[in-house]
């Protein structure tokens, strides 16, 4: 095979243009990657904003319903009594702290769990003790019968 000669001017052109072409391709790839990243970020942000919009529309509907309810005098009176402790003549206000009530319920539930799991643990220990004791008695009885049979 005959080698093809490459002229010096072609080599020089190749040496000068190759870095430029590599730089342009690298720049294009870098720009593409950055643009894709920005698009992904914007898409994610759009989803979050759509969720916020849906939530705010629901809140707006709730507020419209509340506005309609506030047009009713009986509702306003009941709302004021419940939230601002207003009373009718002859009524007394007894305020119950809901947080304390919830804490007490949680503590009671926690205590119940301790009692239940403690009882189950104790029951398991008792059953284990009975099984071990029965096994030992069986083993002793077997040893006694083996001693008797060897003596005869």
Protein backbone atom coordinates (compact mmCIF):
# COMPACT_ATOMS: atom_id res chain seq x y z
CA UNK A 1 0.00 0.00 0.00
CA UNK A 2 1.26 3.33 -0.89
CA UNK A 3 1.19 6.03 1.71
CA UNK A 4 -0.57 9.14 0.71
CA UNK A 5 1.38 12.30 1.34
CA UNK A 6 -0.31 15.09 3.19
CA UNK A 7 0.90 18.49 2.28
CA UNK A 8 2.27 20.89 4.88
CA UNK A 9 -0.48 23.40 4.19
CA UNK A 10 -3.12 20.72 4.93
CA UNK A 11 -1.35 19.81 8.17
CA UNK A 12 -1.13 23.47 9.17
CA UNK A 13 -4.82 23.97 8.38
CA UNK A 14 -5.68 20.86 10.41
CA UNK A 15 -3.58 22.03 13.39
CA UNK A 16 -5.24 25.45 13.36
CA UNK A 17 -8.84 24.36 12.73
CA UNK A 18 -8.92 21.27 14.99
CA UNK A 19 -8.79 23.20 18.31
CA UNK A 20 -11.40 25.64 17.01
CA UNK A 21 -13.73 22.79 16.01
CA UNK A 22 -13.16 20.97 19.35
CA UNK A 23 -13.86 24.22 21.23
CA UNK A 24 -17.08 24.84 19.28
CA UNK A 25 -18.30 21.28 19.82
CA UNK A 26 -17.45 21.48 23.54
CA UNK A 27 -19.22 24.82 23.84
CA UNK A 28 -22.30 23.42 22.09
CA UNK A 29 -22.40 20.37 24.41
CA UNK A 30 -21.91 22.57 27.49
CA UNK A 31 -24.70 24.91 26.38
CA UNK A 32 -26.97 21.94 25.70
CA UNK A 33 -26.34 20.46 29.16
CA UNK A 34 -26.95 23.81 30.91
CA UNK A 35 -30.14 24.39 28.92
CA UNK A 36 -31.49 20.92 29.72
CA UNK A 37 -30.74 21.52 33.41
CA UNK A 38 -32.56 24.84 33.36
CA UNK A 39 -35.54 23.26 31.57
CA UNK A 40 -35.72 20.51 34.18
CA UNK A 41 -35.55 23.09 36.97
CA UNK A 42 -38.28 25.20 35.36
CA UNK A 43 -40.46 22.14 34.84
CA UNK A 44 -40.09 21.21 38.51
CA UNK A 45 -40.89 24.78 39.57
CA UNK A 46 -43.94 24.78 37.29
CA UNK A 47 -45.26 21.63 39.01
CA UNK A 48 -44.82 23.23 42.43
CA UNK A 49 -46.55 26.41 41.29
CA UNK A 50 -49.43 24.40 39.83
CA UNK A 51 -49.84 22.61 43.17
CA UNK A 52 -49.78 25.97 44.98
CA UNK A 53 -52.37 27.33 42.55
CA UNK A 54 -54.65 24.36 43.15
CA UNK A 55 -54.27 24.78 46.90
CA UNK A 56 -54.95 28.51 46.72
CA UNK A 57 -58.04 27.95 44.57
CA UNK A 58 -59.32 25.54 47.23
CA UNK A 59 -58.59 28.13 49.92
CA UNK A 60 -60.44 30.76 47.87
CA UNK A 61 -63.47 28.49 47.65
CA UNK A 62 -63.35 27.92 51.42
CA UNK A 63 -63.14 31.65 52.00
CA UNK A 64 -66.11 32.31 49.69
CA UNK A 65 -68.09 29.71 51.63
CA UNK A 66 -67.06 31.38 54.90
CA UNK A 67 -68.15 34.80 53.55
CA UNK A 68 -71.54 33.37 52.69
CA UNK A 69 -71.86 31.84 56.14
CA UNK A 70 -70.93 35.15 57.79
CA UNK A 71 -73.99 36.72 56.17
CA UNK A 72 -76.11 34.62 58.55
CA UNK A 73 -76.57 36.29 61.96
CA UNK A 74 -77.04 32.98 63.82
CA UNK A 75 -73.78 31.64 62.40
CA UNK A 76 -71.93 34.82 63.39
CA UNK A 77 -73.31 34.60 66.94
CA UNK A 78 -72.34 30.92 67.27
CA UNK A 79 -68.90 31.62 65.76
CA UNK A 80 -68.31 34.49 68.22
CA UNK A 81 -69.35 32.30 71.16
CA UNK A 82 -67.08 29.43 70.09
CA UNK A 83 -63.99 31.39 69.08
CA UNK A 84 -64.12 34.60 71.11
CA UNK A 85 -65.86 33.36 74.29
CA UNK A 86 -68.92 35.62 73.94
CA UNK A 87 -71.92 34.44 75.93
CA UNK A 88 -75.64 34.89 76.00
CA UNK A 89 -77.29 36.05 79.21
CA UNK A 90 -77.13 33.27 81.76
CA UNK A 91 -74.40 31.29 79.98
CA UNK A 92 -71.03 30.44 81.45
CA UNK A 93 -67.83 29.84 79.51
CA UNK A 94 -65.72 26.81 80.32
CA UNK A 95 -62.52 26.82 78.32
CA UNK A 96 -60.91 23.45 77.65
CA UNK A 97 -57.33 23.46 76.47
CA UNK A 98 -57.35 21.02 73.55
CA UNK A 99 -53.58 20.61 73.53
CA UNK A 100 -53.53 19.39 77.13
CA UNK A 101 -56.42 17.04 76.37
CA UNK A 102 -54.56 15.61 73.38
CA UNK A 103 -51.37 15.21 75.44
CA UNK A 104 -53.30 13.38 78.14
CA UNK A 105 -54.88 11.10 75.54
CA UNK A 106 -51.47 10.39 74.03
CA UNK A 107 -49.99 9.66 77.47
CA UNK A 108 -52.95 7.39 78.24
CA UNK A 109 -52.46 5.58 74.94
CA UNK A 110 -48.74 5.26 75.65
CA UNK A 111 -49.48 3.87 79.13
CA UNK A 112 -51.94 1.38 77.63
CA UNK A 113 -49.27 0.24 75.18
CA UNK A 114 -46.76 -0.25 77.99
CA UNK A 115 -49.29 -2.30 79.95
CA UNK A 116 -50.22 -4.43 76.95
CA UNK A 117 -46.64 -5.07 75.81
CA UNK A 118 -45.47 -5.62 79.38
CA UNK A 119 -48.25 -8.15 79.95
CA UNK A 120 -47.41 -9.95 76.72
CA UNK A 121 -43.74 -10.05 77.68
CA UNK A 122 -44.56 -11.42 81.13
CA UNK A 123 -46.85 -14.03 79.59
CA UNK A 124 -44.08 -15.07 77.19
CA UNK A 125 -41.64 -15.44 80.10
CA UNK A 126 -44.13 -17.57 82.05
CA UNK A 127 -44.73 -19.84 79.06
CA UNK A 128 -40.98 -20.14 78.49
CA UNK A 129 -40.47 -21.02 82.18
CA UNK A 130 -43.16 -23.71 82.00
CA UNK A 131 -41.66 -25.21 78.85
CA UNK A 132 -38.15 -25.29 80.35
CA UNK A 133 -39.41 -26.78 83.62
CA UNK A 134 -41.38 -29.47 81.77
CA UNK A 135 -38.32 -30.27 79.65
CA UNK A 136 -36.12 -30.60 82.76
CA UNK A 137 -38.63 -32.88 84.50
CA UNK A 138 -38.81 -35.05 81.41
CA UNK A 139 -35.00 -35.20 81.28
CA UNK A 140 -34.75 -36.15 85.01
CA UNK A 141 -37.41 -38.82 84.59
CA UNK A 142 -35.51 -40.25 81.62
CA UNK A 143 -32.27 -40.28 83.63
CA UNK A 144 -34.01 -42.12 86.51
CA UNK A 145 -35.39 -44.74 84.17
CA UNK A 146 -31.95 -45.17 82.59
CA UNK A 147 -30.36 -45.65 86.05
CA UNK A 148 -33.00 -48.22 87.04
CA UNK A 149 -32.56 -50.16 83.82
CA UNK A 150 -28.75 -50.25 84.27
CA UNK A 151 -29.08 -51.49 87.90
CA UNK A 152 -31.19 -54.53 86.98
